[in-house]
Structure formats: C-alpha cells, structure tokens
Amino acid sequence: MDCAWKTGRRPNTTTPSSTWLGDWYATLVFLRSARFVLCLSERTLLPVVLPARELATLGTRLASAAGQVMAAIGVPAEVARDEQDRMAEAVVARTASRRVLGSMNDFAFMLAAQFDPNASLLDLSLDLAETPCGPLRMESPMRATLER
C-alpha cells in the first residue's frame, strides 16, 4: 500500500496542500510479527511510524503522531498545533512523487535494519528523522523541518 495522504485538501486533489509539511506519503512495513505504517512528509521527508491498525483512523492518528514528532524535534508548539489542525482534512490519493517514494523505500529498509521491539514508535520516528537524505542535499528531515 503506497498512497499519498493529501492533507489540508478537499476532494479536488489538484489544490495544493495547505500544510507547511505538504502531502504525506504512507506505506505498510512488515517487521517480524508487527505491521507498521511509515509516513513521510512531502516537503521535508519527516518520518512518522504508526501501528498498522484501524486504517480508517489513520488521518487522525497521523496528525497526532506528527505533532508529537514535531514537538520532540523542537518545532514551536503553536506551529505544530496549526499543522495538526490543517492535517485534519485529508484525502487519500495515488502517489505522485518518485522522490518521496525512493526515500520511503530507504526509510523502510532502515527501519527494518534497526528495529528495536522495545523502542517506542516516537523513538523510531526520531531515529529515522536524523538520517541524511539525498533529496534534501544530505540534510536530515529533522533539520529540514526545523528550517522550514
């Protein structure tokens, strides 16, 4: 399941996202006996790892978890809350960015390689957020998000 989570959008998906992190891309990741949804923001590649349960509530859970990741890396609280509010309205659509898909594949491999069943999903997300990324000119998603 690779899909784009069109945040801050109405059903007309040609309208640009109203969020400053852009659209979110999601894919299922199977690790041992657990399933996760790996989500990446389009603009900064900020990763968020969620449990793959209740996919109908993915949008709400993604907004909440993204807020936690943003707070943990030092995004000001009012900016994180505003982003979460804008993420409340979402549409699921086909993926549109090969750049994000390539990064998502890299992150999925890294997640599998460094998976610690005792780590929290927030910790897994933060570990991935420190990874230098080619599409970000070897900047980390954490730094790219803070600079944005």
N, C-alpha and C. Protein backbone atom coordinates (compact mmCIF):
# COMPACT_ATOMS: atom_id res chain seq x y z
N MET A 1 0.84 -1.17 0.00
CA MET A 1 0.00 0.00 0.00
C MET A 1 0.89 1.23 0.00
N ASP A 2 1.12 1.83 -1.11
CA ASP A 2 1.75 3.13 -1.17
C ASP A 2 0.67 4.11 -1.56
N CYS A 3 0.49 5.15 -0.77
CA CYS A 3 -0.52 6.14 -1.11
C CYS A 3 -0.07 7.50 -0.63
N ALA A 4 -0.65 8.52 -1.20
CA ALA A 4 -0.40 9.89 -0.76
C ALA A 4 -1.59 10.30 0.08
N TRP A 5 -1.30 10.82 1.23
CA TRP A 5 -2.32 11.31 2.13
C TRP A 5 -2.37 12.80 1.90
N LYS A 6 -3.35 13.27 1.15
CA LYS A 6 -3.43 14.66 0.74
C LYS A 6 -3.99 15.49 1.89
N THR A 7 -3.11 16.07 2.69
CA THR A 7 -3.54 16.79 3.87
C THR A 7 -3.94 18.21 3.54
N GLY A 8 -4.92 18.70 4.31
CA GLY A 8 -5.38 20.06 4.13
C GLY A 8 -6.06 20.26 2.80
N ARG A 9 -6.71 19.21 2.28
CA ARG A 9 -7.32 19.29 0.95
C ARG A 9 -8.78 18.87 0.97
N ARG A 10 -9.47 19.36 0.03
CA ARG A 10 -10.83 18.92 -0.24
C ARG A 10 -10.74 17.83 -1.30
N PRO A 11 -11.85 17.16 -1.65
CA PRO A 11 -11.77 16.07 -2.64
C PRO A 11 -11.10 16.45 -3.96
N ASN A 12 -11.08 17.72 -4.35
CA ASN A 12 -10.36 18.14 -5.54
C ASN A 12 -8.87 18.11 -5.22
N THR A 13 -8.19 17.03 -5.54
CA THR A 13 -6.80 16.84 -5.11
C THR A 13 -5.79 17.64 -5.93
N THR A 14 -6.23 18.45 -6.88
CA THR A 14 -5.29 19.28 -7.62
C THR A 14 -4.98 20.55 -6.85
N THR A 15 -5.74 20.85 -5.81
CA THR A 15 -5.47 22.01 -4.97
C THR A 15 -4.24 21.75 -4.13
N PRO A 16 -3.30 22.69 -4.07
CA PRO A 16 -2.11 22.48 -3.26
C PRO A 16 -2.45 22.29 -1.79
N SER A 17 -1.62 21.55 -1.12
CA SER A 17 -1.82 21.31 0.31
C SER A 17 -1.72 22.61 1.08
N SER A 18 -2.54 22.75 2.11
CA SER A 18 -2.49 23.95 2.95
C SER A 18 -1.56 23.77 4.13
N THR A 19 -0.89 22.62 4.22
CA THR A 19 0.02 22.38 5.33
C THR A 19 1.43 22.76 4.93
N TRP A 20 2.26 23.16 5.89
CA TRP A 20 3.62 23.57 5.54
C TRP A 20 4.54 22.38 5.34
N LEU A 21 4.15 21.19 5.79
CA LEU A 21 4.94 19.98 5.50
C LEU A 21 4.49 19.30 4.21
N GLY A 22 3.42 19.79 3.61
CA GLY A 22 2.94 19.23 2.35
C GLY A 22 2.15 17.95 2.54
N ASP A 23 1.97 17.23 1.45
CA ASP A 23 1.24 15.96 1.49
C ASP A 23 2.06 14.93 2.27
N TRP A 24 1.39 13.90 2.72
CA TRP A 24 2.05 12.79 3.41
C TRP A 24 1.92 11.54 2.58
N TYR A 25 2.98 10.77 2.50
CA TYR A 25 3.00 9.51 1.78
C TYR A 25 3.07 8.39 2.81
N ALA A 26 2.38 7.30 2.54
CA ALA A 26 2.32 6.20 3.51
C ALA A 26 2.53 4.86 2.82
N THR A 27 3.16 3.95 3.53
CA THR A 27 3.33 2.59 3.05
C THR A 27 3.31 1.65 4.24
N LEU A 28 2.88 0.42 4.00
CA LEU A 28 2.91 -0.60 5.04
C LEU A 28 4.31 -1.20 5.13
N VAL A 29 4.75 -1.44 6.36
CA VAL A 29 6.05 -2.06 6.61
C VAL A 29 5.81 -3.24 7.55
N PHE A 30 6.28 -4.41 7.14
CA PHE A 30 6.13 -5.63 7.94
C PHE A 30 7.45 -5.94 8.60
N LEU A 31 7.47 -5.95 9.93
CA LEU A 31 8.68 -6.25 10.69
C LEU A 31 8.36 -7.36 11.69
N ARG A 32 9.00 -8.47 11.49
CA ARG A 32 8.76 -9.65 12.32
C ARG A 32 7.27 -9.93 12.36
N SER A 33 6.65 -9.91 13.51
CA SER A 33 5.22 -10.20 13.57
C SER A 33 4.38 -8.92 13.66
N ALA A 34 5.03 -7.77 13.51
CA ALA A 34 4.32 -6.50 13.63
C ALA A 34 4.18 -5.81 12.27
N ARG A 35 3.12 -5.03 12.16
CA ARG A 35 2.89 -4.24 10.96
C ARG A 35 2.83 -2.77 11.35
N PHE A 36 3.48 -1.95 10.53
CA PHE A 36 3.50 -0.52 10.79
C PHE A 36 3.14 0.23 9.52
N VAL A 37 2.75 1.49 9.68
CA VAL A 37 2.58 2.39 8.56
C VAL A 37 3.69 3.43 8.70
N LEU A 38 4.51 3.51 7.67
CA LEU A 38 5.57 4.51 7.62
C LEU A 38 5.04 5.67 6.79
N CYS A 39 5.04 6.85 7.38
CA CYS A 39 4.55 8.04 6.69
C CYS A 39 5.69 9.05 6.55
N LEU A 40 5.76 9.72 5.40
CA LEU A 40 6.77 10.75 5.16
C LEU A 40 6.09 12.00 4.63
N SER A 41 6.52 13.15 5.15
CA SER A 41 6.01 14.41 4.61
C SER A 41 6.70 14.68 3.27
N GLU A 42 5.95 15.26 2.38
CA GLU A 42 6.47 15.50 1.03
C GLU A 42 7.61 16.52 1.01
N ARG A 43 7.49 17.59 1.77
CA ARG A 43 8.46 18.69 1.66
C ARG A 43 9.74 18.47 2.45
N THR A 44 9.66 17.82 3.62
CA THR A 44 10.86 17.69 4.45
C THR A 44 11.23 16.23 4.72
N LEU A 45 10.45 15.30 4.21
CA LEU A 45 10.65 13.86 4.41
C LEU A 45 10.61 13.46 5.89
N LEU A 46 9.95 14.28 6.72
CA LEU A 46 9.83 13.95 8.14
C LEU A 46 9.09 12.63 8.28
N PRO A 47 9.71 11.63 8.94
CA PRO A 47 9.07 10.32 9.08
C PRO A 47 8.22 10.21 10.35
N VAL A 48 7.12 9.51 10.22
CA VAL A 48 6.25 9.18 11.35
C VAL A 48 5.89 7.72 11.22
N VAL A 49 6.17 6.93 12.27
CA VAL A 49 5.87 5.50 12.27
C VAL A 49 4.64 5.29 13.15
N LEU A 50 3.65 4.60 12.59
CA LEU A 50 2.38 4.33 13.30
C LEU A 50 2.08 2.83 13.27
N PRO A 51 1.31 2.34 14.23
CA PRO A 51 0.87 0.95 14.14
C PRO A 51 -0.13 0.81 12.99
N ALA A 52 -0.08 -0.32 12.30
CA ALA A 52 -0.98 -0.55 11.16
C ALA A 52 -2.26 -1.21 11.65
N ARG A 53 -3.01 -0.47 12.40
CA ARG A 53 -4.31 -0.95 12.87
C ARG A 53 -5.30 0.18 12.64
N GLU A 54 -6.53 -0.20 12.51
CA GLU A 54 -7.58 0.80 12.32
C GLU A 54 -7.19 1.83 11.25
N LEU A 55 -6.97 1.34 10.05
CA LEU A 55 -6.53 2.23 8.97
C LEU A 55 -7.54 3.34 8.68
N ALA A 56 -8.80 3.12 9.08
CA ALA A 56 -9.81 4.15 8.88
C ALA A 56 -9.51 5.40 9.71
N THR A 57 -8.74 5.25 10.78
CA THR A 57 -8.40 6.39 11.64
C THR A 57 -6.98 6.90 11.38
N LEU A 58 -6.39 6.48 10.29
CA LEU A 58 -5.01 6.85 10.00
C LEU A 58 -4.80 8.36 9.98
N GLY A 59 -5.71 9.08 9.38
CA GLY A 59 -5.56 10.54 9.29
C GLY A 59 -5.46 11.21 10.64
N THR A 60 -6.35 10.85 11.53
CA THR A 60 -6.35 11.42 12.88
C THR A 60 -5.10 11.02 13.63
N ARG A 61 -4.74 9.74 13.53
CA ARG A 61 -3.55 9.26 14.24
C ARG A 61 -2.28 9.87 13.67
N LEU A 62 -2.23 10.05 12.33
CA LEU A 62 -1.07 10.67 11.70
C LEU A 62 -0.90 12.11 12.18
N ALA A 63 -1.98 12.87 12.22
CA ALA A 63 -1.90 14.26 12.68
C ALA A 63 -1.38 14.32 14.11
N SER A 64 -1.89 13.47 14.97
CA SER A 64 -1.46 13.44 16.37
C SER A 64 0.01 13.05 16.50
N ALA A 65 0.40 11.97 15.82
CA ALA A 65 1.79 11.49 15.89
C ALA A 65 2.75 12.50 15.26
N ALA A 66 2.36 13.13 14.17
CA ALA A 66 3.21 14.15 13.54
C ALA A 66 3.42 15.31 14.52
N GLY A 67 2.38 15.67 15.25
CA GLY A 67 2.51 16.71 16.27
C GLY A 67 3.50 16.32 17.34
N GLN A 68 3.48 15.05 17.76
CA GLN A 68 4.43 14.57 18.77
C GLN A 68 5.86 14.60 18.24
N VAL A 69 6.05 14.18 16.99
CA VAL A 69 7.39 14.20 16.40
C VAL A 69 7.88 15.63 16.27
N MET A 70 7.01 16.53 15.79
CA MET A 70 7.42 17.93 15.65
C MET A 70 7.80 18.53 17.01
N ALA A 71 7.02 18.23 18.05
CA ALA A 71 7.33 18.74 19.38
C ALA A 71 8.68 18.19 19.87
N ALA A 72 8.92 16.92 19.61
CA ALA A 72 10.15 16.27 20.07
C ALA A 72 11.40 16.83 19.39
N ILE A 73 11.28 17.31 18.17
CA ILE A 73 12.46 17.85 17.48
C ILE A 73 12.61 19.35 17.70
N GLY A 74 11.64 19.98 18.37
CA GLY A 74 11.78 21.39 18.71
C GLY A 74 10.97 22.37 17.89
N VAL A 75 10.00 21.89 17.13
CA VAL A 75 9.11 22.80 16.41
C VAL A 75 8.26 23.53 17.46
N PRO A 76 8.14 24.85 17.36
CA PRO A 76 7.33 25.58 18.34
C PRO A 76 5.91 25.00 18.44
N ALA A 77 5.38 24.96 19.67
CA ALA A 77 4.09 24.33 19.94
C ALA A 77 2.96 24.90 19.08
N GLU A 78 2.94 26.22 18.89
CA GLU A 78 1.85 26.83 18.12
C GLU A 78 1.93 26.43 16.64
N VAL A 79 3.13 26.28 16.13
CA VAL A 79 3.31 25.85 14.74
C VAL A 79 2.87 24.39 14.59
N ALA A 80 3.26 23.54 15.53
CA ALA A 80 2.86 22.12 15.49
C ALA A 80 1.34 21.98 15.58
N ARG A 81 0.71 22.75 16.48
CA ARG A 81 -0.76 22.68 16.61
C ARG A 81 -1.44 23.14 15.33
N ASP A 82 -0.94 24.21 14.73
CA ASP A 82 -1.51 24.71 13.48
C ASP A 82 -1.40 23.65 12.38
N GLU A 83 -0.25 23.01 12.31
CA GLU A 83 -0.05 21.96 11.30
C GLU A 83 -1.01 20.80 11.54
N GLN A 84 -1.17 20.39 12.79
CA GLN A 84 -2.11 19.31 13.11
C GLN A 84 -3.53 19.69 12.71
N ASP A 85 -3.93 20.92 12.99
CA ASP A 85 -5.28 21.38 12.62
C ASP A 85 -5.47 21.33 11.11
N ARG A 86 -4.46 21.75 10.36
CA ARG A 86 -4.55 21.73 8.90
C ARG A 86 -4.57 20.31 8.34
N MET A 87 -3.95 19.37 9.07
CA MET A 87 -3.91 17.97 8.63
C MET A 87 -5.24 17.25 8.87
N ALA A 88 -6.14 17.87 9.61
CA ALA A 88 -7.41 17.22 9.96
C ALA A 88 -8.24 16.87 8.72
N GLU A 89 -8.14 17.68 7.70
CA GLU A 89 -8.88 17.44 6.46
C GLU A 89 -7.94 16.76 5.47
N ALA A 90 -8.29 15.55 5.05
CA ALA A 90 -7.38 14.80 4.19
C ALA A 90 -8.14 13.96 3.18
N VAL A 91 -7.46 13.64 2.09
CA VAL A 91 -7.97 12.80 1.03
C VAL A 91 -6.88 11.80 0.68
N VAL A 92 -7.22 10.54 0.51
CA VAL A 92 -6.25 9.54 0.08
C VAL A 92 -6.23 9.51 -1.44
N ALA A 93 -5.03 9.54 -2.01
CA ALA A 93 -4.89 9.57 -3.46
C ALA A 93 -3.67 8.75 -3.86
N ARG A 94 -3.47 8.59 -5.15
CA ARG A 94 -2.29 7.87 -5.65
C ARG A 94 -1.04 8.69 -5.41
N THR A 95 0.07 8.01 -5.30
CA THR A 95 1.34 8.69 -5.11
C THR A 95 1.70 9.49 -6.35
N ALA A 96 2.40 10.60 -6.13
CA ALA A 96 2.74 11.47 -7.25
C ALA A 96 4.22 11.83 -7.29
N SER A 97 4.99 11.44 -6.28
CA SER A 97 6.39 11.86 -6.21
C SER A 97 7.32 10.66 -6.10
N ARG A 98 8.11 10.43 -7.13
CA ARG A 98 9.09 9.35 -7.09
C ARG A 98 10.19 9.66 -6.07
N ARG A 99 10.48 10.92 -5.88
CA ARG A 99 11.49 11.34 -4.91
C ARG A 99 11.09 10.87 -3.51
N VAL A 100 9.82 11.09 -3.15
CA VAL A 100 9.35 10.67 -1.82
C VAL A 100 9.30 9.15 -1.74
N LEU A 101 8.85 8.49 -2.81
CA LEU A 101 8.79 7.03 -2.79
C LEU A 101 10.17 6.40 -2.63
N GLY A 102 11.17 6.96 -3.29
CA GLY A 102 12.53 6.44 -3.13
C GLY A 102 13.02 6.60 -1.71
N SER A 103 12.77 7.75 -1.13
CA SER A 103 13.15 7.98 0.26
C SER A 103 12.37 7.07 1.20
N MET A 104 11.10 6.85 0.89
CA MET A 104 10.29 5.96 1.72
C MET A 104 10.85 4.54 1.71
N ASN A 105 11.27 4.08 0.55
CA ASN A 105 11.89 2.75 0.46
C ASN A 105 13.16 2.68 1.30
N ASP A 106 13.98 3.74 1.23
CA ASP A 106 15.20 3.78 2.04
C ASP A 106 14.87 3.74 3.53
N PHE A 107 13.89 4.53 3.94
CA PHE A 107 13.50 4.55 5.35
C PHE A 107 12.93 3.21 5.80
N ALA A 108 12.17 2.54 4.93
CA ALA A 108 11.61 1.23 5.28
C ALA A 108 12.73 0.22 5.52
N PHE A 109 13.77 0.24 4.67
CA PHE A 109 14.91 -0.65 4.87
C PHE A 109 15.65 -0.32 6.17
N MET A 110 15.83 0.97 6.45
CA MET A 110 16.50 1.37 7.69
C MET A 110 15.69 0.96 8.91
N LEU A 111 14.38 1.12 8.82
CA LEU A 111 13.50 0.74 9.93
C LEU A 111 13.62 -0.74 10.21
N ALA A 112 13.65 -1.54 9.17
CA ALA A 112 13.80 -3.00 9.34
C ALA A 112 15.16 -3.35 9.92
N ALA A 113 16.21 -2.66 9.48
CA ALA A 113 17.56 -2.97 9.93
C ALA A 113 17.80 -2.58 11.39
N GLN A 114 17.21 -1.49 11.82
CA GLN A 114 17.47 -1.02 13.18
C GLN A 114 16.29 -1.20 14.11
N PHE A 115 15.33 -2.02 13.72
CA PHE A 115 14.12 -2.19 14.51
C PHE A 115 14.44 -2.74 15.90
N ASP A 116 13.95 -2.06 16.90
CA ASP A 116 14.08 -2.48 18.30
C ASP A 116 12.66 -2.62 18.84
N PRO A 117 12.21 -3.84 19.14
CA PRO A 117 10.85 -4.02 19.61
C PRO A 117 10.56 -3.32 20.93
N ASN A 118 11.59 -2.92 21.65
CA ASN A 118 11.40 -2.21 22.92
C ASN A 118 11.33 -0.70 22.76
N ALA A 119 11.66 -0.20 21.57
CA ALA A 119 11.63 1.25 21.33
C ALA A 119 10.20 1.70 21.07
N SER A 120 9.91 2.92 21.46
CA SER A 120 8.59 3.49 21.16
C SER A 120 8.54 3.89 19.69
N LEU A 121 7.35 4.04 19.16
CA LEU A 121 7.21 4.47 17.76
C LEU A 121 7.75 5.89 17.59
N LEU A 122 7.61 6.71 18.62
CA LEU A 122 8.19 8.05 18.56
C LEU A 122 9.71 7.97 18.45
N ASP A 123 10.33 7.10 19.24
CA ASP A 123 11.79 6.93 19.16
C ASP A 123 12.22 6.43 17.78
N LEU A 124 11.47 5.49 17.21
CA LEU A 124 11.80 5.00 15.87
C LEU A 124 11.69 6.14 14.85
N SER A 125 10.64 6.95 14.98
CA SER A 125 10.45 8.09 14.07
C SER A 125 11.60 9.08 14.20
N LEU A 126 12.01 9.37 15.44
CA LEU A 126 13.09 10.33 15.68
C LEU A 126 14.43 9.82 15.16
N ASP A 127 14.68 8.52 15.32
CA ASP A 127 15.92 7.95 14.78
C ASP A 127 15.98 8.12 13.26
N LEU A 128 14.87 7.83 12.60
CA LEU A 128 14.83 7.99 11.14
C LEU A 128 14.97 9.46 10.74
N ALA A 129 14.42 10.36 11.55
CA ALA A 129 14.43 11.80 11.23
C ALA A 129 15.84 12.38 11.23
N GLU A 130 16.80 11.68 11.83
CA GLU A 130 18.18 12.18 11.86
C GLU A 130 19.00 11.72 10.66
N THR A 131 18.41 10.93 9.78
CA THR A 131 19.12 10.36 8.64
C THR A 131 19.35 11.39 7.54
N PRO A 132 20.59 11.58 7.08
CA PRO A 132 20.82 12.46 5.93
C PRO A 132 20.15 11.89 4.68
N CYS A 133 19.53 12.76 3.90
CA CYS A 133 18.79 12.32 2.71
C CYS A 133 19.28 13.05 1.47
N GLY A 134 19.54 12.28 0.42
CA GLY A 134 19.98 12.84 -0.85
C GLY A 134 19.05 13.91 -1.39
N PRO A 135 17.72 13.67 -1.42
CA PRO A 135 16.82 14.69 -1.96
C PRO A 135 16.82 15.99 -1.16
N LEU A 136 17.35 15.94 0.06
CA LEU A 136 17.43 17.14 0.90
C LEU A 136 18.86 17.69 0.92
N ARG A 137 19.66 17.31 -0.08
CA ARG A 137 21.07 17.71 -0.17
C ARG A 137 21.83 17.28 1.08
N MET A 138 21.58 16.04 1.47
CA MET A 138 22.20 15.37 2.61
C MET A 138 21.89 16.02 3.95
N GLU A 139 20.82 16.78 4.01
CA GLU A 139 20.29 17.31 5.26
C GLU A 139 19.40 16.23 5.86
N SER A 140 19.17 16.27 7.14
CA SER A 140 18.25 15.33 7.77
C SER A 140 16.84 15.89 7.72
N PRO A 141 15.81 15.04 7.71
CA PRO A 141 14.43 15.53 7.76
C PRO A 141 14.18 16.39 9.00
N MET A 142 14.83 16.06 10.12
CA MET A 142 14.66 16.86 11.33
C MET A 142 15.12 18.29 11.08
N ARG A 143 16.32 18.44 10.54
CA ARG A 143 16.85 19.77 10.27
C ARG A 143 16.03 20.50 9.20
N ALA A 144 15.63 19.78 8.16
CA ALA A 144 14.82 20.39 7.09
C ALA A 144 13.49 20.90 7.65
N THR A 145 12.91 20.14 8.57
CA THR A 145 11.63 20.55 9.17
C THR A 145 11.83 21.79 10.03
N LEU A 146 12.88 21.80 10.82
CA LEU A 146 13.14 22.95 11.68
C LEU A 146 13.46 24.20 10.86
N GLU A 147 14.15 24.03 9.74
CA GLU A 147 14.48 25.18 8.89
C GLU A 147 13.25 25.71 8.16
N ARG A 148 12.31 24.83 7.89
CA ARG A 148 11.10 25.23 7.19
C ARG A 148 10.25 26.10 8.10
